[in-house]
PDB file of N, CA and C in Angstrom:
ATOM      1  N   MET A   1      -4.428  15.143   6.179  1.00  0.00           N
ATOM      2  CA  MET A   1      -4.827  13.891   6.778  1.00  0.00           C
ATOM      3  C   MET A   1      -4.046  12.507   6.764  1.00  0.00           C
ATOM      4  N   ALA A   2      -3.658  11.849   7.571  1.00  0.00           N
ATOM      5  CA  ALA A   2      -3.131  10.420   7.427  1.00  0.00           C
ATOM      6  C   ALA A   2      -3.805   9.636   6.856  1.00  0.00           C
ATOM      7  N   GLU A   3      -3.352   8.672   6.037  1.00  0.00           N
ATOM      8  CA  GLU A   3      -3.716   7.747   5.563  1.00  0.00           C
ATOM      9  C   GLU A   3      -5.037   6.827   6.077  1.00  0.00           C
ATOM     10  N   ALA A   4      -4.455   6.383   7.458  1.00  0.00           N
ATOM     11  CA  ALA A   4      -5.510   5.712   8.424  1.00  0.00           C
ATOM     12  C   ALA A   4      -6.759   6.528   8.532  1.00  0.00           C
ATOM     13  N   ALA A   5      -6.893   7.665   9.041  1.00  0.00           N
ATOM     14  CA  ALA A   5      -7.626   8.702   8.903  1.00  0.00           C
ATOM     15  C   ALA A   5      -8.749   8.961   8.017  1.00  0.00           C
ATOM     16  N   LEU A   6      -8.127   8.920   6.856  1.00  0.00           N
ATOM     17  CA  LEU A   6      -8.601   8.851   5.435  1.00  0.00           C
ATOM     18  C   LEU A   6      -9.814   7.748   5.145  1.00  0.00           C
ATOM     19  N   ILE A   7      -8.786   6.521   5.128  1.00  0.00           N
ATOM     20  CA  ILE A   7      -9.776   5.319   5.305  1.00  0.00           C
ATOM     21  C   ILE A   7     -10.750   5.207   5.918  1.00  0.00           C
ATOM     22  N   ALA A   8     -10.750   5.740   7.091  1.00  0.00           N
ATOM     23  CA  ALA A   8     -11.473   5.440   8.502  1.00  0.00           C
ATOM     24  C   ALA A   8     -12.934   6.514   7.813  1.00  0.00           C
ATOM     25  N   ALA A   9     -12.747   7.798   7.549  1.00  0.00           N
ATOM     26  CA  ALA A   9     -13.629   8.519   7.376  1.00  0.00           C
ATOM     27  C   ALA A   9     -14.156   8.241   6.036  1.00  0.00           C
ATOM     28  N   ARG A  10     -13.781   7.422   4.610  1.00  0.00           N
ATOM     29  CA  ARG A  10     -14.131   7.202   3.663  1.00  0.00           C
ATOM     30  C   ARG A  10     -14.880   5.942   4.253  1.00  0.00           C
ATOM     31  N   LEU A  11     -14.780   5.174   4.972  1.00  0.00           N
ATOM     32  CA  LEU A  11     -15.714   3.917   5.417  1.00  0.00           C
ATOM     33  C   LEU A  11     -16.827   4.655   6.002  1.00  0.00           C
ATOM     34  N   ALA A  12     -16.472   5.220   6.890  1.00  0.00           N
ATOM     35  CA  ALA A  12     -18.092   5.528   8.186  1.00  0.00           C
ATOM     36  C   ALA A  12     -18.851   6.497   7.061  1.00  0.00           C
ATOM     37  N   ALA A  13     -18.475   7.084   5.886  1.00  0.00           N
ATOM     38  CA  ALA A  13     -19.178   7.940   5.263  1.00  0.00           C
ATOM     39  C   ALA A  13     -19.961   6.893   4.071  1.00  0.00           C
ATOM     40  N   ALA A  14     -19.860   5.990   3.913  1.00  0.00           N
ATOM     41  CA  ALA A  14     -20.220   4.515   2.682  1.00  0.00           C
ATOM     42  C   ALA A  14     -21.626   4.142   3.428  1.00  0.00           C
ATOM     43  N   SER A  15     -21.595   4.320   4.967  1.00  0.00           N
ATOM     44  CA  SER A  15     -22.661   3.827   5.498  1.00  0.00           C
ATOM     45  C   SER A  15     -22.838   4.765   7.088  1.00  0.00           C
ATOM     46  N   GLN A  16     -23.514   5.899   6.674  1.00  0.00           N
ATOM     47  CA  GLN A  16     -23.480   6.707   8.280  1.00  0.00           C
ATOM     48  C   GLN A  16     -24.626   5.780   8.885  1.00  0.00           C
ATOM     49  N   CYS A  17     -25.676   5.254   8.350  1.00  0.00           N
ATOM     50  CA  CYS A  17     -26.651   4.707   8.972  1.00  0.00           C
ATOM     51  C   CYS A  17     -27.724   3.688   8.213  1.00  0.00           C
ATOM     52  N   PHE A  18     -27.872   2.585   8.885  1.00  0.00           N
ATOM     53  CA  PHE A  18     -28.404   1.717   8.526  1.00  0.00           C
ATOM     54  C   PHE A  18     -29.485   1.058   9.337  1.00  0.00           C
ATOM     55  N   PRO A  19     -30.095   0.207   8.951  1.00  0.00           N
ATOM     56  CA  PRO A  19     -31.177  -1.006   9.818  1.00  0.00           C
ATOM     57  C   PRO A  19     -30.534  -2.144   9.779  1.00  0.00           C
ATOM     58  N   LEU A  20     -30.263  -2.585  11.555  1.00  0.00           N
ATOM     59  CA  LEU A  20     -30.068  -3.922  11.587  1.00  0.00           C
ATOM     60  C   LEU A  20     -30.943  -5.060  11.890  1.00  0.00           C
ATOM     61  N   PRO A  21     -31.267  -5.992  11.118  1.00  0.00           N
ATOM     62  CA  PRO A  21     -32.394  -6.788  11.600  1.00  0.00           C
ATOM     63  C   PRO A  21     -32.431  -7.390  12.874  1.00  0.00           C
ATOM     64  N   HIS A  22     -33.550  -7.237  13.630  1.00  0.00           N
ATOM     65  CA  HIS A  22     -33.516  -7.814  15.294  1.00  0.00           C
ATOM     66  C   HIS A  22     -34.534  -9.326  15.411  1.00  0.00           C
ATOM     67  N   SER A  23     -33.814 -10.000  15.881  1.00  0.00           N
ATOM     68  CA  SER A  23     -34.385 -11.166  16.000  1.00  0.00           C
ATOM     69  C   SER A  23     -35.984 -10.690  16.817  1.00  0.00           C
ATOM     70  N   ASP A  24     -36.737 -11.672  16.998  1.00  0.00           N
ATOM     71  CA  ASP A  24     -37.828 -11.806  17.998  1.00  0.00           C
ATOM     72  C   ASP A  24     -37.433 -11.624  19.359  1.00  0.00           C
ATOM     73  N   VAL A  25     -38.250 -11.153  20.228  1.00  0.00           N
ATOM     74  CA  VAL A  25     -38.154 -11.517  21.913  1.00  0.00           C
ATOM     75  C   VAL A  25     -39.194 -11.631  22.038  1.00  0.00           C
ATOM     76  N   ASP A  26     -38.812 -12.492  22.716  1.00  0.00           N
ATOM     77  CA  ASP A  26     -39.586 -13.220  23.887  1.00  0.00           C
ATOM     78  C   ASP A  26     -41.059 -13.918  22.871  1.00  0.00           C
ATOM     79  N   GLY A  27     -40.694 -14.093  21.265  1.00  0.00           N
ATOM     80  CA  GLY A  27     -42.078 -14.435  20.702  1.00  0.00           C
ATOM     81  C   GLY A  27     -42.572 -13.696  19.764  1.00  0.00           C
ATOM     82  N   ARG A  28     -42.165 -12.264  20.132  1.00  0.00           N
ATOM     83  CA  ARG A  28     -43.074 -11.022  19.620  1.00  0.00           C
ATOM     84  C   ARG A  28     -41.977 -10.223  18.572  1.00  0.00           C
ATOM     85  N   ALA A  29     -42.529  -9.842  17.628  1.00  0.00           N
ATOM     86  CA  ALA A  29     -41.522  -9.277  16.592  1.00  0.00           C
ATOM     87  C   ALA A  29     -41.334  -7.733  16.939  1.00  0.00           C
ATOM     88  N   VAL A  30     -40.090  -7.451  16.726  1.00  0.00           N
ATOM     89  CA  VAL A  30     -39.647  -6.169  17.227  1.00  0.00           C
ATOM     90  C   VAL A  30     -39.135  -5.268  16.342  1.00  0.00           C
ATOM     91  N   CYS A  31     -39.183  -3.843  16.547  1.00  0.00           N
ATOM     92  CA  CYS A  31     -38.489  -3.376  14.791  1.00  0.00           C
ATOM     93  C   CYS A  31     -37.101  -3.210  15.015  1.00  0.00           C
ATOM     94  N   ASP A  32     -36.626  -3.074  13.704  1.00  0.00           N
ATOM     95  CA  ASP A  32     -35.049  -3.164  13.445  1.00  0.00           C
ATOM     96  C   ASP A  32     -34.236  -2.165  14.280  1.00  0.00           C
ATOM     97  N   SER A  33     -32.798  -2.904  14.930  1.00  0.00           N
ATOM     98  CA  SER A  33     -32.133  -2.068  15.100  1.00  0.00           C
ATOM     99  C   SER A  33     -31.591  -0.915  14.698  1.00  0.00           C
ATOM    100  N   THR A  34     -31.027   0.103  14.854  1.00  0.00           N
ATOM    101  CA  THR A  34     -30.293   1.291  13.855  1.00  0.00           C
ATOM    102  C   THR A  34     -29.197   1.484  14.270  1.00  0.00           C
ATOM    103  N   VAL A  35     -27.921   1.317  13.292  1.00  0.00           N
ATOM    104  CA  VAL A  35     -26.717   1.411  13.408  1.00  0.00           C
ATOM    105  C   VAL A  35     -26.200   2.832  12.854  1.00  0.00           C
ATOM    106  N   TYR A  36     -25.370   3.529  13.981  1.00  0.00           N
ATOM    107  CA  TYR A  36     -24.862   4.880  13.414  1.00  0.00           C
ATOM    108  C   TYR A  36     -23.291   4.722  13.662  1.00  0.00           C
ATOM    109  N   VAL A  37     -22.751   5.102  12.352  1.00  0.00           N
ATOM    110  CA  VAL A  37     -21.367   4.832  11.876  1.00  0.00           C
ATOM    111  C   VAL A  37     -20.836   6.341  11.781  1.00  0.00           C
ATOM    112  N   GLU A  38     -19.712   6.531  12.670  1.00  0.00           N
ATOM    113  CA  GLU A  38     -18.984   8.183  12.163  1.00  0.00           C
ATOM    114  C   GLU A  38     -17.618   7.457  12.482  1.00  0.00           C
ATOM    115  N   ALA A  39     -16.913   8.342  11.641  1.00  0.00           N
ATOM    116  CA  ALA A  39     -14.892   8.245  12.211  1.00  0.00           C
ATOM    117  C   ALA A  39     -14.813   9.460  12.865  1.00  0.00           C
ATOM    118  N   GLU A  40     -13.697   8.845  13.403  1.00  0.00           N
ATOM    119  CA  GLU A  40     -12.923   9.730  14.964  1.00  0.00           C
ATOM    120  C   GLU A  40     -11.501   9.595  14.735  1.00  0.00           C
ATOM    121  N   GLY A  41     -11.007  10.076  13.995  1.00  0.00           N
ATOM    122  CA  GLY A  41      -9.848   9.891  13.411  1.00  0.00           C
ATOM    123  C   GLY A  41      -9.186   8.511  12.874  1.00  0.00           C
ATOM    124  N   LYS A  42      -8.407   7.909  13.069  1.00  0.00           N
ATOM    125  CA  LYS A  42      -8.181   6.541  12.276  1.00  0.00           C
ATOM    126  C   LYS A  42      -8.998   5.388  13.023  1.00  0.00           C
ATOM    127  N   SER A  43     -10.086   5.542  13.793  1.00  0.00           N
ATOM    128  CA  SER A  43     -11.195   4.888  13.822  1.00  0.00           C
ATOM    129  C   SER A  43     -12.280   4.801  13.724  1.00  0.00           C
ATOM    130  N   ILE A  44     -13.268   4.085  13.464  1.00  0.00           N
ATOM    131  CA  ILE A  44     -14.569   3.894  13.155  1.00  0.00           C
ATOM    132  C   ILE A  44     -15.607   3.481  14.469  1.00  0.00           C
ATOM    133  N   ALA A  45     -16.439   4.747  15.104  1.00  0.00           N
ATOM    134  CA  ALA A  45     -17.306   4.450  16.327  1.00  0.00           C
ATOM    135  C   ALA A  45     -18.773   3.841  15.747  1.00  0.00           C
ATOM    136  N   ILE A  46     -19.008   2.635  15.915  1.00  0.00           N
ATOM    137  CA  ILE A  46     -20.386   2.410  15.334  1.00  0.00           C
ATOM    138  C   ILE A  46     -21.221   2.246  16.963  1.00  0.00           C
ATOM    139  N   THR A  47     -22.468   3.106  16.864  1.00  0.00           N
ATOM    140  CA  THR A  47     -23.682   2.520  17.874  1.00  0.00           C
ATOM    141  C   THR A  47     -24.524   2.170  17.410  1.00  0.00           C
ATOM    142  N   VAL A  48     -25.089   1.022  17.787  1.00  0.00           N
ATOM    143  CA  VAL A  48     -26.524   0.203  17.807  1.00  0.00           C
ATOM    144  C   VAL A  48     -27.273   0.896  18.737  1.00  0.00           C
ATOM    145  N   THR A  49     -28.502   0.867  18.734  1.00  0.00           N
ATOM    146  CA  THR A  49     -30.029   1.623  19.148  1.00  0.00           C
ATOM    147  C   THR A  49     -30.866   0.146  18.774  1.00  0.00           C
ATOM    148  N   ASP A  50     -31.083  -0.173  19.784  1.00  0.00           N
ATOM    149  CA  ASP A  50     -32.033  -1.402  19.971  1.00  0.00           C
ATOM    150  C   ASP A  50     -33.884  -0.739  19.677  1.00  0.00           C
ATOM    151  N   TYR A  51     -34.658  -1.664  19.622  1.00  0.00           N
ATOM    152  CA  TYR A  51     -36.097  -0.756  19.432  1.00  0.00           C
ATOM    153  C   TYR A  51     -36.399  -0.065  21.052  1.00  0.00           C
ATOM    154  N   ASP A  52     -35.978  -0.764  22.030  1.00  0.00           N
ATOM    155  CA  ASP A  52     -36.382  -0.367  23.621  1.00  0.00           C
ATOM    156  C   ASP A  52     -35.360   0.903  23.875  1.00  0.00           C
ATOM    157  N   GLY A  53     -34.592   1.169  22.999  1.00  0.00           N
ATOM    158  CA  GLY A  53     -33.511   2.503  23.391  1.00  0.00           C
ATOM    159  C   GLY A  53     -32.182   1.956  24.129  1.00  0.00           C
ATOM    160  N   SER A  54     -31.945   0.587  24.273  1.00  0.00           N
ATOM    161  CA  SER A  54     -30.566   0.137  24.902  1.00  0.00           C
ATOM    162  C   SER A  54     -29.768   0.347  23.945  1.00  0.00           C
ATOM    163  N   LYS A  55     -28.508   0.478  23.977  1.00  0.00           N
ATOM    164  CA  LYS A  55     -27.419   1.194  22.907  1.00  0.00           C
ATOM    165  C   LYS A  55     -25.938   0.114  23.295  1.00  0.00           C
ATOM    166  N   ARG A  56     -25.022  -0.154  22.394  1.00  0.00           N
ATOM    167  CA  ARG A  56     -24.434  -0.769  22.196  1.00  0.00           C
ATOM    168  C   ARG A  56     -23.566   0.081  21.315  1.00  0.00           C
ATOM    169  N   GLU A  57     -21.935   0.182  21.865  1.00  0.00           N
ATOM    170  CA  GLU A  57     -21.016   0.931  20.979  1.00  0.00           C
ATOM    171  C   GLU A  57     -19.825   0.085  20.449  1.00  0.00           C
ATOM    172  N   TYR A  58     -19.308  -0.077  19.507  1.00  0.00           N
ATOM    173  CA  TYR A  58     -18.363  -0.945  19.249  1.00  0.00           C
ATOM    174  C   TYR A  58     -17.263   0.058  18.701  1.00  0.00           C
ATOM    175  N   ARG A  59     -15.986  -0.143  17.978  1.00  0.00           N
ATOM    176  CA  ARG A  59     -14.615   0.807  17.722  1.00  0.00           C
ATOM    177  C   ARG A  59     -13.879  -0.608  16.776  1.00  0.00           C
ATOM    178  N   ALA A  60     -13.723   0.112  15.710  1.00  0.00           N
ATOM    179  CA  ALA A  60     -12.855  -0.445  14.681  1.00  0.00           C
ATOM    180  C   ALA A  60     -11.676   0.734  14.455  1.00  0.00           C
ATOM    181  N   ASP A  61     -10.500   0.276  14.817  1.00  0.00           N
ATOM    182  CA  ASP A  61      -9.448   1.013  14.392  1.00  0.00           C
ATOM    183  C   ASP A  61      -8.518   0.446  13.197  1.00  0.00           C
ATOM    184  N   VAL A  62      -8.414   1.705  12.341  1.00  0.00           N
ATOM    185  CA  VAL A  62      -7.971   1.087  11.010  1.00  0.00           C
ATOM    186  C   VAL A  62      -6.329   1.399  11.134  1.00  0.00           C
ATOM    187  N   ARG A  63      -5.323   0.588  10.851  1.00  0.00           N
ATOM    188  CA  ARG A  63      -4.038   0.408  11.463  1.00  0.00           C
ATOM    189  C   ARG A  63      -3.402  -0.417   9.924  1.00  0.00           C
ATOM    190  N   LEU A  64      -2.302   0.004   9.857  1.00  0.00           N
ATOM    191  CA  LEU A  64      -1.334  -0.645   9.015  1.00  0.00           C
ATOM    192  C   LEU A  64      -0.821  -1.504   9.603  1.00  0.00           C
ATOM    193  N   VAL A  65      -0.764  -3.277   8.886  1.00  0.00           N
ATOM    194  CA  VAL A  65      -0.760  -4.365   9.223  1.00  0.00           C
ATOM    195  C   VAL A  65       0.703  -4.866   8.566  1.00  0.00           C
ATOM    196  N   ALA A  66       0.638  -4.539   7.112  1.00  0.00           N
ATOM    197  CA  ALA A  66       2.068  -5.412   6.401  1.00  0.00           C
ATOM    198  C   ALA A  66       2.210  -3.821   5.009  1.00  0.00           C
ATOM    199  N   THR A  67       3.143  -4.157   4.827  1.00  0.00           N
ATOM    200  CA  THR A  67       3.789  -3.481   3.628  1.00  0.00           C
ATOM    201  C   THR A  67       4.605  -4.301   2.588  1.00  0.00           C
ATOM    202  N   SER A  68       4.222  -4.017   1.312  1.00  0.00           N
ATOM    203  CA  SER A  68       5.274  -5.109   0.456  1.00  0.00           C
ATOM    204  C   SER A  68       6.985  -4.290   0.406  1.00  0.00           C
ATOM    205  N   THR A  69       7.704  -5.398   0.280  1.00  0.00           N
ATOM    206  CA  THR A  69       9.190  -5.272   0.014  1.00  0.00           C
ATOM    207  C   THR A  69       9.123  -5.168  -1.448  1.00  0.00           C
ATOM    208  N   PRO A  70      10.269  -4.753  -2.113  1.00  0.00           N
ATOM    209  CA  PRO A  70      10.381  -4.713  -3.468  1.00  0.00           C
ATOM    210  C   PRO A  70      10.960  -6.356  -3.832  1.00  0.00           C
ATOM    211  N   GLU A  71      11.388  -7.017  -3.200  1.00  0.00           N
ATOM    212  CA  GLU A  71      11.363  -8.355  -3.256  1.00  0.00           C
ATOM    213  C   GLU A  71      10.435  -9.164  -3.753  1.00  0.00           C
ATOM    214  N   MET A  72       9.082  -8.630  -2.908  1.00  0.00           N
ATOM    215  CA  MET A  72       7.833  -9.132  -3.421  1.00  0.00           C
ATOM    216  C   MET A  72       6.667  -8.582  -4.569  1.00  0.00           C
ATOM    217  N   ARG A  73       7.294  -7.139  -4.489  1.00  0.00           N
ATOM    218  CA  ARG A  73       6.993  -6.547  -5.615  1.00  0.00           C
ATOM    219  C   ARG A  73       7.416  -6.995  -7.498  1.00  0.00           C
ATOM    220  N   THR A  74       8.590  -7.648  -7.229  1.00  0.00           N
ATOM    221  CA  THR A  74       9.211  -8.117  -8.756  1.00  0.00           C
ATOM    222  C   THR A  74       9.114  -9.692  -8.802  1.00  0.00           C
ATOM    223  N   LEU A  75       8.806 -10.002  -8.003  1.00  0.00           N
ATOM    224  CA  LEU A  75       8.924 -11.769  -7.889  1.00  0.00           C
ATOM    225  C   LEU A  75       7.360 -12.343  -8.861  1.00  0.00           C
ATOM    226  N   PRO A  76       7.885 -13.180  -9.797  1.00  0.00           N
ATOM    227  CA  PRO A  76       7.040 -13.368 -10.808  1.00  0.00           C
ATOM    228  C   PRO A  76       5.871 -14.413  -9.930  1.00  0.00           C
ATOM    229  N   ALA A  77       4.633 -14.183 -10.314  1.00  0.00           N
ATOM    230  CA  ALA A  77       3.315 -15.153  -9.529  1.00  0.00           C
ATOM    231  C   ALA A  77       3.394 -16.698  -9.475  1.00  0.00           C
ATOM    232  N   GLU A  78       3.867 -17.321 -10.796  1.00  0.00           N
ATOM    233  CA  GLU A  78       4.103 -18.609 -11.101  1.00  0.00           C
ATOM    234  C   GLU A  78       5.505 -19.082 -11.193  1.00  0.00           C
ATOM    235  N   SER A  79       6.367 -18.058 -10.767  1.00  0.00           N
ATOM    236  CA  SER A  79       7.821 -18.414 -10.638  1.00  0.00           C
ATOM    237  C   SER A  79       8.387 -20.133  -9.798  1.00  0.00           C
ATOM    238  N   GLY A  80       7.408 -20.292  -9.028  1.00  0.00           N
ATOM    239  CA  GLY A  80       7.651 -21.250  -7.826  1.00  0.00           C
ATOM    240  C   GLY A  80       8.751 -20.931  -6.694  1.00  0.00           C
ATOM    241  N   VAL A  81       9.277 -19.543  -7.022  1.00  0.00           N
ATOM    242  CA  VAL A  81      10.340 -19.126  -5.780  1.00  0.00           C
ATOM    243  C   VAL A  81       9.405 -18.611  -4.974  1.00  0.00           C
ATOM    244  N   ARG A  82      10.182 -18.998  -3.641  1.00  0.00           N
ATOM    245  CA  ARG A  82       9.344 -18.504  -2.269  1.00  0.00           C
ATOM    246  C   ARG A  82       9.943 -17.352  -2.314  1.00  0.00           C
ATOM    247  N   ALA A  83       9.176 -16.293  -1.775  1.00  0.00           N
ATOM    248  CA  ALA A  83       8.814 -14.602  -1.372  1.00  0.00           C
ATOM    249  C   ALA A  83       9.932 -14.802  -0.331  1.00  0.00           C
ATOM    250  N   PRO A  84      10.937 -13.869   0.449  1.00  0.00           N
ATOM    251  CA  PRO A  84      11.775 -14.098   1.449  1.00  0.00           C
ATOM    252  C   PRO A  84      10.811 -13.848   2.491  1.00  0.00           C
ATOM    253  N   GLY A  85      10.831 -14.704   3.581  1.00  0.00           N
ATOM    254  CA  GLY A  85      10.145 -14.537   4.474  1.00  0.00           C
ATOM    255  C   GLY A  85       9.258 -15.028   4.767  1.00  0.00           C
ATOM    256  N   ARG A  86       8.578 -15.792   3.525  1.00  0.00           N
ATOM    257  CA  ARG A  86       7.759 -16.534   4.137  1.00  0.00           C
ATOM    258  C   ARG A  86       7.607 -18.307   3.800  1.00  0.00           C
ATOM    259  N   GLU A  87       6.916 -18.296   4.944  1.00  0.00           N
ATOM    260  CA  GLU A  87       6.956 -19.984   5.196  1.00  0.00           C
ATOM    261  C   GLU A  87       6.470 -20.953   4.307  1.00  0.00           C
ATOM    262  N   ARG A  88       7.105 -22.083   4.060  1.00  0.00           N
ATOM    263  CA  ARG A  88       6.554 -23.158   3.439  1.00  0.00           C
ATOM    264  C   ARG A  88       5.117 -23.074   3.348  1.00  0.00           C
ATOM    265  N   SER A  89       4.426 -23.022   4.552  1.00  0.00           N
ATOM    266  CA  SER A  89       2.982 -23.310   4.495  1.00  0.00           C
ATOM    267  C   SER A  89       2.099 -22.322   3.895  1.00  0.00           C
ATOM    268  N   GLU A  90       2.783 -20.930   3.949  1.00  0.00           N
ATOM    269  CA  GLU A  90       1.974 -19.938   3.345  1.00  0.00           C
ATOM    270  C   GLU A  90       2.276 -19.617   1.785  1.00  0.00           C
ATOM    271  N   GLN A  91       2.646 -20.633   1.301  1.00  0.00           N
ATOM    272  CA  GLN A  91       2.931 -20.840  -0.141  1.00  0.00           C
ATOM    273  C   GLN A  91       1.789 -20.955  -0.876  1.00  0.00           C
ATOM    274  N   PRO A  92       1.304 -20.251  -2.001  1.00  0.00           N
ATOM    275  CA  PRO A  92      -0.098 -20.908  -2.522  1.00  0.00           C
ATOM    276  C   PRO A  92      -0.125 -22.576  -3.076  1.00  0.00           C
ATOM    277  N   ASN A  93      -0.752 -23.449  -2.903  1.00  0.00           N
ATOM    278  CA  ASN A  93      -1.176 -24.604  -3.703  1.00  0.00           C
ATOM    279  C   ASN A  93      -1.033 -24.485  -4.506  1.00  0.00           C
ATOM    280  N   ARG A  94      -0.062 -25.381  -5.370  1.00  0.00           N
ATOM    281  CA  ARG A  94      -0.107 -25.812  -6.817  1.00  0.00           C
ATOM    282  C   ARG A  94      -0.403 -27.390  -7.186  1.00  0.00           C
TER     283      ARG A  94
END
């Protein structure tokens, strides 16, 4: 199983079904919505079912957005030296 798919599966397994508090509808209290979560490859599919049976679907994709370089791994945390490729605005405030 690819890393992204494994991450999606673990996230979905952590909370497969849970209540989602619902606001009042037209001034009356209604039952909570129910959220179902499942992994589909490297995606997480989320279905929200409301008190009246209406549904909404969401999808979250797990994808790699950055990796560290050897230079970043060996740079001391408080050296004052900027990591290669980082702009001044991205440096921590000191």
